[in-house]
Amino acid sequence: MLGAITGYLTYTYFTAAIPQAGIVESPYRKELSASATDEGTGQAAGDQVDKTKFSNVVTIRILQGAAAQGSPDYDPDAAVVPSDALITWVNEDTTLHTATSGKDMSDPDKGKLFDTSYLQPGGEYSIPAADIGSGEHVYFCELHPYMVSTVTVQ
């Protein structure tokens, strides 16, 4: 008898706490801004770049399996690009990645030069090299901080 009562009370009181489809009210809900990632390209909605304006496009591939620590992550690992080029990161892995300027998450300048945001598998992000500025720039993946590389703009 006690088991039946316990079961009834558990069902009655705890089913109210189960999320239901279509109900989005939550203290943890975060509204996305207009600059949220476009699901089709992985490019931030406000950051579309007209690739036809660039005769030189340098592609940095995020390699398949890059999320596994110790695996090859970027190709080329240390990219060198002219200042008139367009730099494009392409996520060829099966999981989310970012390419964020800075040494790591604690870097106070993290993401100030560029930040791809979350790149979906197959997604890409482009930025003109001139927008980054000349010199060697370290970048990393916010989701996999051991994925570190450099891009040098000449």
N, C-alpha and C. Protein backbone atom coordinates (compact mmCIF):
# COMPACT_ATOMS: atom_id res chain seq x y z
N MET A 1 0.82 -1.19 0.00
CA MET A 1 0.00 0.00 0.00
C MET A 1 0.87 1.26 0.00
N LEU A 2 1.94 1.21 0.81
CA LEU A 2 2.83 2.36 0.89
C LEU A 2 3.50 2.63 -0.47
N GLY A 3 3.83 1.56 -1.19
CA GLY A 3 4.43 1.71 -2.51
C GLY A 3 3.49 2.37 -3.49
N ALA A 4 2.23 2.04 -3.44
CA ALA A 4 1.24 2.65 -4.34
C ALA A 4 1.09 4.13 -4.04
N ILE A 5 1.07 4.48 -2.77
CA ILE A 5 0.94 5.89 -2.38
C ILE A 5 2.17 6.66 -2.83
N THR A 6 3.35 6.09 -2.60
CA THR A 6 4.59 6.74 -3.01
C THR A 6 4.63 6.95 -4.52
N GLY A 7 4.22 5.93 -5.27
CA GLY A 7 4.19 6.04 -6.72
C GLY A 7 3.23 7.11 -7.20
N TYR A 8 2.05 7.15 -6.60
CA TYR A 8 1.06 8.16 -6.98
C TYR A 8 1.56 9.57 -6.69
N LEU A 9 2.14 9.78 -5.51
CA LEU A 9 2.64 11.10 -5.14
C LEU A 9 3.81 11.51 -6.03
N THR A 10 4.69 10.58 -6.32
CA THR A 10 5.83 10.86 -7.19
C THR A 10 5.34 11.29 -8.57
N TYR A 11 4.41 10.52 -9.13
CA TYR A 11 3.87 10.85 -10.46
C TYR A 11 3.17 12.20 -10.44
N THR A 12 2.37 12.44 -9.44
CA THR A 12 1.57 13.67 -9.37
C THR A 12 2.43 14.91 -9.22
N TYR A 13 3.42 14.87 -8.34
CA TYR A 13 4.18 16.08 -8.04
C TYR A 13 5.40 16.30 -8.94
N PHE A 14 5.98 15.24 -9.46
CA PHE A 14 7.19 15.42 -10.26
C PHE A 14 6.94 15.55 -11.75
N THR A 15 5.79 15.14 -12.24
CA THR A 15 5.54 15.32 -13.68
C THR A 15 5.35 16.79 -14.03
N ALA A 16 5.00 17.60 -13.07
CA ALA A 16 4.86 19.04 -13.33
C ALA A 16 6.21 19.68 -13.63
N ALA A 17 7.31 19.06 -13.18
CA ALA A 17 8.64 19.63 -13.38
C ALA A 17 9.28 19.18 -14.69
N ILE A 18 8.67 18.26 -15.40
CA ILE A 18 9.24 17.75 -16.64
C ILE A 18 9.00 18.75 -17.77
N PRO A 19 10.05 19.12 -18.52
CA PRO A 19 9.85 20.05 -19.65
C PRO A 19 8.90 19.45 -20.67
N GLN A 20 8.09 20.29 -21.26
CA GLN A 20 7.14 19.83 -22.26
C GLN A 20 7.42 20.54 -23.58
N ALA A 21 7.22 19.82 -24.66
CA ALA A 21 7.47 20.39 -25.99
C ALA A 21 6.61 21.62 -26.22
N GLY A 22 7.20 22.66 -26.75
CA GLY A 22 6.48 23.87 -27.06
C GLY A 22 6.45 24.88 -25.94
N ILE A 23 6.88 24.50 -24.76
CA ILE A 23 6.89 25.43 -23.63
C ILE A 23 8.31 25.94 -23.48
N VAL A 24 8.49 27.24 -23.60
CA VAL A 24 9.83 27.81 -23.62
C VAL A 24 10.11 28.74 -22.46
N GLU A 25 9.19 28.85 -21.51
CA GLU A 25 9.43 29.73 -20.37
C GLU A 25 10.40 29.05 -19.42
N SER A 26 11.50 29.71 -19.15
CA SER A 26 12.50 29.17 -18.26
C SER A 26 13.38 30.31 -17.77
N PRO A 27 13.81 30.24 -16.50
CA PRO A 27 14.74 31.27 -16.03
C PRO A 27 16.11 31.14 -16.71
N TYR A 28 16.35 30.02 -17.40
CA TYR A 28 17.64 29.79 -18.04
C TYR A 28 17.61 30.06 -19.54
N ARG A 29 16.48 30.45 -20.06
CA ARG A 29 16.35 30.71 -21.49
C ARG A 29 17.14 31.95 -21.87
N LYS A 30 17.86 31.85 -22.95
CA LYS A 30 18.66 32.97 -23.44
C LYS A 30 18.16 33.35 -24.82
N GLU A 31 17.74 34.60 -24.97
CA GLU A 31 17.29 35.09 -26.27
C GLU A 31 18.52 35.31 -27.16
N LEU A 32 18.43 34.90 -28.40
CA LEU A 32 19.52 35.10 -29.35
C LEU A 32 19.35 36.44 -30.04
N SER A 33 20.46 37.13 -30.23
CA SER A 33 20.42 38.42 -30.91
C SER A 33 20.39 38.21 -32.42
N ALA A 34 20.27 39.31 -33.14
CA ALA A 34 20.25 39.24 -34.60
C ALA A 34 21.58 38.77 -35.16
N SER A 35 22.65 38.83 -34.36
CA SER A 35 23.96 38.39 -34.84
C SER A 35 24.22 36.93 -34.52
N ALA A 36 23.17 36.20 -34.20
CA ALA A 36 23.32 34.77 -33.92
C ALA A 36 23.80 34.07 -35.19
N THR A 37 24.39 32.92 -35.02
CA THR A 37 24.95 32.19 -36.15
C THR A 37 23.86 31.75 -37.12
N ASP A 38 24.10 31.96 -38.39
CA ASP A 38 23.21 31.49 -39.43
C ASP A 38 23.45 30.00 -39.59
N GLU A 39 22.41 29.19 -39.38
CA GLU A 39 22.59 27.74 -39.40
C GLU A 39 23.03 27.22 -40.76
N GLY A 40 22.72 27.93 -41.82
CA GLY A 40 23.08 27.44 -43.14
C GLY A 40 24.57 27.49 -43.41
N THR A 41 25.23 28.55 -42.97
CA THR A 41 26.65 28.71 -43.31
C THR A 41 27.56 28.62 -42.11
N GLY A 42 27.03 28.82 -40.90
CA GLY A 42 27.89 28.88 -39.74
C GLY A 42 28.49 30.25 -39.56
N GLN A 43 28.29 31.14 -40.51
CA GLN A 43 28.81 32.50 -40.45
C GLN A 43 27.87 33.33 -39.60
N ALA A 44 28.43 34.19 -38.74
CA ALA A 44 27.59 35.08 -37.96
C ALA A 44 26.77 35.94 -38.91
N ALA A 45 25.49 36.10 -38.60
CA ALA A 45 24.56 36.75 -39.52
C ALA A 45 25.00 38.15 -39.94
N GLY A 46 25.59 38.91 -39.03
CA GLY A 46 25.98 40.28 -39.36
C GLY A 46 27.34 40.38 -40.01
N ASP A 47 28.03 39.27 -40.21
CA ASP A 47 29.41 39.30 -40.67
C ASP A 47 29.60 38.68 -42.05
N GLN A 48 28.60 38.69 -42.90
CA GLN A 48 28.73 38.09 -44.22
C GLN A 48 29.78 38.87 -45.03
N VAL A 49 30.64 38.13 -45.70
CA VAL A 49 31.70 38.73 -46.50
C VAL A 49 31.47 38.35 -47.96
N ASP A 50 31.58 39.32 -48.85
CA ASP A 50 31.44 39.06 -50.27
C ASP A 50 32.75 38.49 -50.79
N LYS A 51 32.79 37.17 -50.97
CA LYS A 51 34.02 36.49 -51.39
C LYS A 51 34.45 36.86 -52.80
N THR A 52 33.52 37.35 -53.61
CA THR A 52 33.87 37.69 -55.00
C THR A 52 34.78 38.90 -55.08
N LYS A 53 34.90 39.66 -54.00
CA LYS A 53 35.77 40.84 -53.98
C LYS A 53 37.23 40.48 -53.73
N PHE A 54 37.51 39.20 -53.50
CA PHE A 54 38.87 38.78 -53.16
C PHE A 54 39.38 37.79 -54.20
N SER A 55 40.55 38.10 -54.76
CA SER A 55 41.16 37.18 -55.72
C SER A 55 42.00 36.13 -55.01
N ASN A 56 42.36 36.40 -53.76
CA ASN A 56 43.20 35.48 -53.00
C ASN A 56 42.43 35.06 -51.74
N VAL A 57 42.03 33.79 -51.69
CA VAL A 57 41.33 33.26 -50.53
C VAL A 57 42.19 32.17 -49.91
N VAL A 58 42.53 32.33 -48.64
CA VAL A 58 43.31 31.33 -47.92
C VAL A 58 42.35 30.57 -47.01
N THR A 59 42.27 29.26 -47.21
CA THR A 59 41.36 28.42 -46.43
C THR A 59 42.14 27.69 -45.35
N ILE A 60 41.66 27.81 -44.12
CA ILE A 60 42.21 27.06 -42.99
C ILE A 60 41.16 26.02 -42.62
N ARG A 61 41.53 24.76 -42.76
CA ARG A 61 40.59 23.67 -42.50
C ARG A 61 40.70 23.21 -41.05
N ILE A 62 39.57 23.05 -40.39
CA ILE A 62 39.52 22.39 -39.08
C ILE A 62 39.30 20.92 -39.40
N LEU A 63 40.31 20.11 -39.14
CA LEU A 63 40.35 18.74 -39.64
C LEU A 63 39.41 17.80 -38.91
N GLN A 64 39.00 16.76 -39.64
CA GLN A 64 38.19 15.69 -39.07
C GLN A 64 38.94 15.07 -37.88
N GLY A 65 38.29 14.94 -36.74
CA GLY A 65 38.91 14.36 -35.55
C GLY A 65 39.71 15.34 -34.73
N ALA A 66 39.66 16.62 -35.07
CA ALA A 66 40.45 17.64 -34.37
C ALA A 66 40.07 17.77 -32.90
N ALA A 67 38.87 17.38 -32.53
CA ALA A 67 38.43 17.52 -31.13
C ALA A 67 39.18 16.58 -30.19
N ALA A 68 39.77 15.52 -30.72
CA ALA A 68 40.53 14.59 -29.89
C ALA A 68 41.90 15.19 -29.60
N GLN A 69 42.20 15.35 -28.32
CA GLN A 69 43.46 15.97 -27.93
C GLN A 69 44.64 15.20 -28.49
N GLY A 70 45.59 15.92 -29.09
CA GLY A 70 46.77 15.31 -29.68
C GLY A 70 46.62 15.04 -31.17
N SER A 71 45.41 15.13 -31.69
CA SER A 71 45.18 14.91 -33.12
C SER A 71 45.52 16.18 -33.90
N PRO A 72 45.85 16.04 -35.18
CA PRO A 72 46.04 17.24 -36.00
C PRO A 72 44.75 18.06 -35.98
N ASP A 73 44.89 19.39 -35.88
CA ASP A 73 43.70 20.20 -35.73
C ASP A 73 43.43 21.15 -36.89
N TYR A 74 44.42 21.96 -37.27
CA TYR A 74 44.23 22.93 -38.35
C TYR A 74 45.17 22.61 -39.51
N ASP A 75 44.72 22.91 -40.72
CA ASP A 75 45.57 22.74 -41.89
C ASP A 75 45.40 23.97 -42.78
N PRO A 76 46.43 24.78 -42.96
CA PRO A 76 47.76 24.64 -42.38
C PRO A 76 47.76 25.00 -40.90
N ASP A 77 48.71 24.40 -40.18
CA ASP A 77 48.78 24.64 -38.74
C ASP A 77 49.25 26.06 -38.45
N ALA A 78 50.16 26.56 -39.24
CA ALA A 78 50.62 27.95 -39.10
C ALA A 78 50.44 28.61 -40.46
N ALA A 79 49.33 29.30 -40.64
CA ALA A 79 49.01 29.90 -41.94
C ALA A 79 49.72 31.24 -42.10
N VAL A 80 50.22 31.48 -43.30
CA VAL A 80 50.83 32.77 -43.66
C VAL A 80 50.02 33.31 -44.83
N VAL A 81 49.48 34.53 -44.66
CA VAL A 81 48.60 35.09 -45.67
C VAL A 81 48.99 36.53 -46.00
N PRO A 82 48.83 36.93 -47.26
CA PRO A 82 49.07 38.33 -47.60
C PRO A 82 47.93 39.21 -47.07
N SER A 83 48.20 40.47 -46.92
CA SER A 83 47.22 41.38 -46.32
C SER A 83 45.98 41.61 -47.18
N ASP A 84 46.07 41.29 -48.48
CA ASP A 84 44.91 41.48 -49.35
C ASP A 84 44.04 40.23 -49.48
N ALA A 85 44.36 39.19 -48.71
CA ALA A 85 43.65 37.92 -48.82
C ALA A 85 42.40 37.89 -47.93
N LEU A 86 41.55 36.94 -48.24
CA LEU A 86 40.40 36.63 -47.40
C LEU A 86 40.73 35.33 -46.68
N ILE A 87 40.63 35.31 -45.36
CA ILE A 87 40.91 34.10 -44.58
C ILE A 87 39.58 33.43 -44.28
N THR A 88 39.49 32.14 -44.61
CA THR A 88 38.26 31.38 -44.38
C THR A 88 38.57 30.13 -43.58
N TRP A 89 37.91 29.98 -42.43
CA TRP A 89 37.99 28.75 -41.64
C TRP A 89 36.81 27.87 -42.04
N VAL A 90 37.09 26.59 -42.29
CA VAL A 90 36.05 25.63 -42.66
C VAL A 90 36.10 24.47 -41.67
N ASN A 91 34.98 24.17 -41.04
CA ASN A 91 34.91 23.08 -40.07
C ASN A 91 34.60 21.77 -40.79
N GLU A 92 35.61 20.90 -40.93
CA GLU A 92 35.43 19.60 -41.56
C GLU A 92 35.22 18.50 -40.54
N ASP A 93 35.14 18.87 -39.27
CA ASP A 93 34.94 17.89 -38.20
C ASP A 93 33.44 17.63 -38.01
N THR A 94 33.12 16.68 -37.16
CA THR A 94 31.72 16.33 -36.91
C THR A 94 31.17 16.99 -35.66
N THR A 95 31.92 17.90 -35.07
CA THR A 95 31.49 18.59 -33.86
C THR A 95 31.72 20.09 -33.99
N LEU A 96 31.17 20.86 -33.08
CA LEU A 96 31.34 22.31 -33.09
C LEU A 96 32.78 22.70 -32.79
N HIS A 97 33.23 23.80 -33.39
CA HIS A 97 34.55 24.37 -33.11
C HIS A 97 34.45 25.88 -33.22
N THR A 98 35.50 26.57 -32.70
CA THR A 98 35.65 28.00 -32.93
C THR A 98 37.10 28.26 -33.34
N ALA A 99 37.33 29.42 -33.90
CA ALA A 99 38.69 29.94 -34.09
C ALA A 99 38.63 31.34 -33.51
N THR A 100 39.19 31.49 -32.32
CA THR A 100 39.08 32.72 -31.55
C THR A 100 40.46 33.29 -31.31
N SER A 101 40.67 34.56 -31.65
CA SER A 101 41.98 35.17 -31.45
C SER A 101 42.30 35.22 -29.96
N GLY A 102 43.58 34.98 -29.65
CA GLY A 102 44.04 34.98 -28.27
C GLY A 102 44.76 33.68 -27.95
N LYS A 103 45.43 33.68 -26.80
CA LYS A 103 46.21 32.50 -26.40
C LYS A 103 45.35 31.44 -25.74
N ASP A 104 44.35 31.86 -24.95
CA ASP A 104 43.46 30.93 -24.26
C ASP A 104 42.28 31.72 -23.69
N MET A 105 41.43 31.03 -22.93
CA MET A 105 40.23 31.66 -22.38
C MET A 105 40.54 32.79 -21.41
N SER A 106 41.71 32.75 -20.77
CA SER A 106 42.05 33.78 -19.79
C SER A 106 42.68 35.03 -20.41
N ASP A 107 42.96 34.99 -21.70
CA ASP A 107 43.57 36.13 -22.39
C ASP A 107 42.60 37.32 -22.39
N PRO A 108 43.01 38.47 -21.84
CA PRO A 108 42.10 39.62 -21.81
C PRO A 108 41.73 40.15 -23.20
N ASP A 109 42.53 39.81 -24.21
CA ASP A 109 42.24 40.24 -25.58
C ASP A 109 41.55 39.16 -26.40
N LYS A 110 41.08 38.12 -25.73
CA LYS A 110 40.42 36.99 -26.40
C LYS A 110 39.27 37.48 -27.28
N GLY A 111 39.32 37.09 -28.56
CA GLY A 111 38.24 37.39 -29.48
C GLY A 111 38.17 38.81 -29.99
N LYS A 112 39.13 39.65 -29.65
CA LYS A 112 39.06 41.05 -30.09
C LYS A 112 39.40 41.21 -31.57
N LEU A 113 40.29 40.39 -32.10
CA LEU A 113 40.62 40.50 -33.53
C LEU A 113 39.62 39.74 -34.39
N PHE A 114 39.29 38.52 -33.98
CA PHE A 114 38.31 37.72 -34.71
C PHE A 114 37.79 36.61 -33.81
N ASP A 115 36.59 36.19 -34.09
CA ASP A 115 35.96 35.08 -33.37
C ASP A 115 34.91 34.48 -34.29
N THR A 116 35.11 33.25 -34.68
CA THR A 116 34.19 32.61 -35.61
C THR A 116 32.85 32.27 -34.97
N SER A 117 32.77 32.35 -33.65
CA SER A 117 31.63 31.85 -32.90
C SER A 117 31.59 30.33 -33.13
N TYR A 118 30.48 29.69 -32.85
CA TYR A 118 30.42 28.24 -33.00
C TYR A 118 30.22 27.88 -34.47
N LEU A 119 31.19 27.17 -35.01
CA LEU A 119 31.08 26.69 -36.39
C LEU A 119 30.48 25.29 -36.37
N GLN A 120 29.33 25.14 -36.99
CA GLN A 120 28.69 23.84 -37.13
C GLN A 120 29.55 22.97 -38.05
N PRO A 121 29.41 21.65 -37.99
CA PRO A 121 30.09 20.81 -38.97
C PRO A 121 29.71 21.27 -40.39
N GLY A 122 30.72 21.51 -41.21
CA GLY A 122 30.49 22.01 -42.56
C GLY A 122 30.38 23.52 -42.64
N GLY A 123 30.34 24.19 -41.50
CA GLY A 123 30.21 25.65 -41.47
C GLY A 123 31.53 26.33 -41.78
N GLU A 124 31.44 27.59 -42.14
CA GLU A 124 32.65 28.35 -42.43
C GLU A 124 32.50 29.79 -41.95
N TYR A 125 33.64 30.45 -41.80
CA TYR A 125 33.70 31.85 -41.37
C TYR A 125 34.82 32.52 -42.14
N SER A 126 34.56 33.71 -42.67
CA SER A 126 35.58 34.43 -43.43
C SER A 126 35.77 35.82 -42.87
N ILE A 127 37.02 36.29 -42.94
CA ILE A 127 37.36 37.65 -42.53
C ILE A 127 38.52 38.14 -43.40
N PRO A 128 38.46 39.38 -43.86
CA PRO A 128 39.59 39.92 -44.62
C PRO A 128 40.83 40.02 -43.73
N ALA A 129 41.98 39.62 -44.27
CA ALA A 129 43.24 39.68 -43.51
C ALA A 129 43.54 41.10 -43.07
N ALA A 130 43.15 42.08 -43.88
CA ALA A 130 43.39 43.48 -43.53
C ALA A 130 42.66 43.88 -42.25
N ASP A 131 41.52 43.25 -41.98
CA ASP A 131 40.76 43.54 -40.75
C ASP A 131 41.48 43.05 -39.50
N ILE A 132 42.30 42.02 -39.66
CA ILE A 132 43.05 41.47 -38.53
C ILE A 132 44.30 42.30 -38.27
N GLY A 133 44.95 42.73 -39.35
CA GLY A 133 46.18 43.51 -39.22
C GLY A 133 47.41 42.64 -39.37
N SER A 134 48.53 43.27 -39.70
CA SER A 134 49.76 42.51 -39.94
C SER A 134 50.34 41.97 -38.64
N GLY A 135 51.13 40.90 -38.80
CA GLY A 135 51.77 40.27 -37.65
C GLY A 135 51.27 38.86 -37.42
N GLU A 136 51.89 38.21 -36.43
CA GLU A 136 51.50 36.85 -36.09
C GLU A 136 50.41 36.89 -35.02
N HIS A 137 49.32 36.18 -35.27
CA HIS A 137 48.18 36.17 -34.36
C HIS A 137 47.88 34.74 -33.93
N VAL A 138 47.88 34.52 -32.64
CA VAL A 138 47.56 33.21 -32.08
C VAL A 138 46.05 33.09 -31.98
N TYR A 139 45.53 31.90 -32.26
CA TYR A 139 44.10 31.65 -32.06
C TYR A 139 43.91 30.24 -31.53
N PHE A 140 42.73 29.99 -30.98
CA PHE A 140 42.43 28.69 -30.36
C PHE A 140 40.94 28.40 -30.50
N CYS A 141 40.57 27.17 -30.16
CA CYS A 141 39.17 26.76 -30.14
C CYS A 141 38.66 26.89 -28.71
N GLU A 142 37.60 27.64 -28.50
CA GLU A 142 37.07 27.83 -27.15
C GLU A 142 36.54 26.52 -26.57
N LEU A 143 36.04 25.63 -27.41
CA LEU A 143 35.50 24.36 -26.92
C LEU A 143 36.58 23.32 -26.68
N HIS A 144 37.69 23.45 -27.36
CA HIS A 144 38.82 22.51 -27.25
C HIS A 144 40.09 23.36 -27.14
N PRO A 145 40.38 23.92 -25.95
CA PRO A 145 41.45 24.91 -25.80
C PRO A 145 42.85 24.40 -26.12
N TYR A 146 43.02 23.11 -26.29
CA TYR A 146 44.32 22.56 -26.69
C TYR A 146 44.53 22.70 -28.19
N MET A 147 43.50 23.10 -28.92
CA MET A 147 43.62 23.37 -30.36
C MET A 147 44.10 24.81 -30.53
N VAL A 148 45.40 24.98 -30.72
CA VAL A 148 46.01 26.31 -30.82
C VAL A 148 46.79 26.39 -32.13
N SER A 149 46.73 27.53 -32.79
CA SER A 149 47.45 27.72 -34.04
C SER A 149 47.77 29.20 -34.22
N THR A 150 48.39 29.52 -35.34
CA THR A 150 48.70 30.93 -35.64
C THR A 150 48.33 31.24 -37.08
N VAL A 151 48.02 32.51 -37.30
CA VAL A 151 47.85 33.04 -38.65
C VAL A 151 48.71 34.29 -38.70
N THR A 152 49.60 34.34 -39.69
CA THR A 152 50.50 35.48 -39.85
C THR A 152 50.07 36.26 -41.08
N VAL A 153 49.76 37.53 -40.88
CA VAL A 153 49.37 38.41 -41.98
C VAL A 153 50.59 39.23 -42.35
N GLN A 154 51.00 39.15 -43.64
CA GLN A 154 52.20 39.86 -44.11
C GLN A 154 51.83 41.18 -44.75
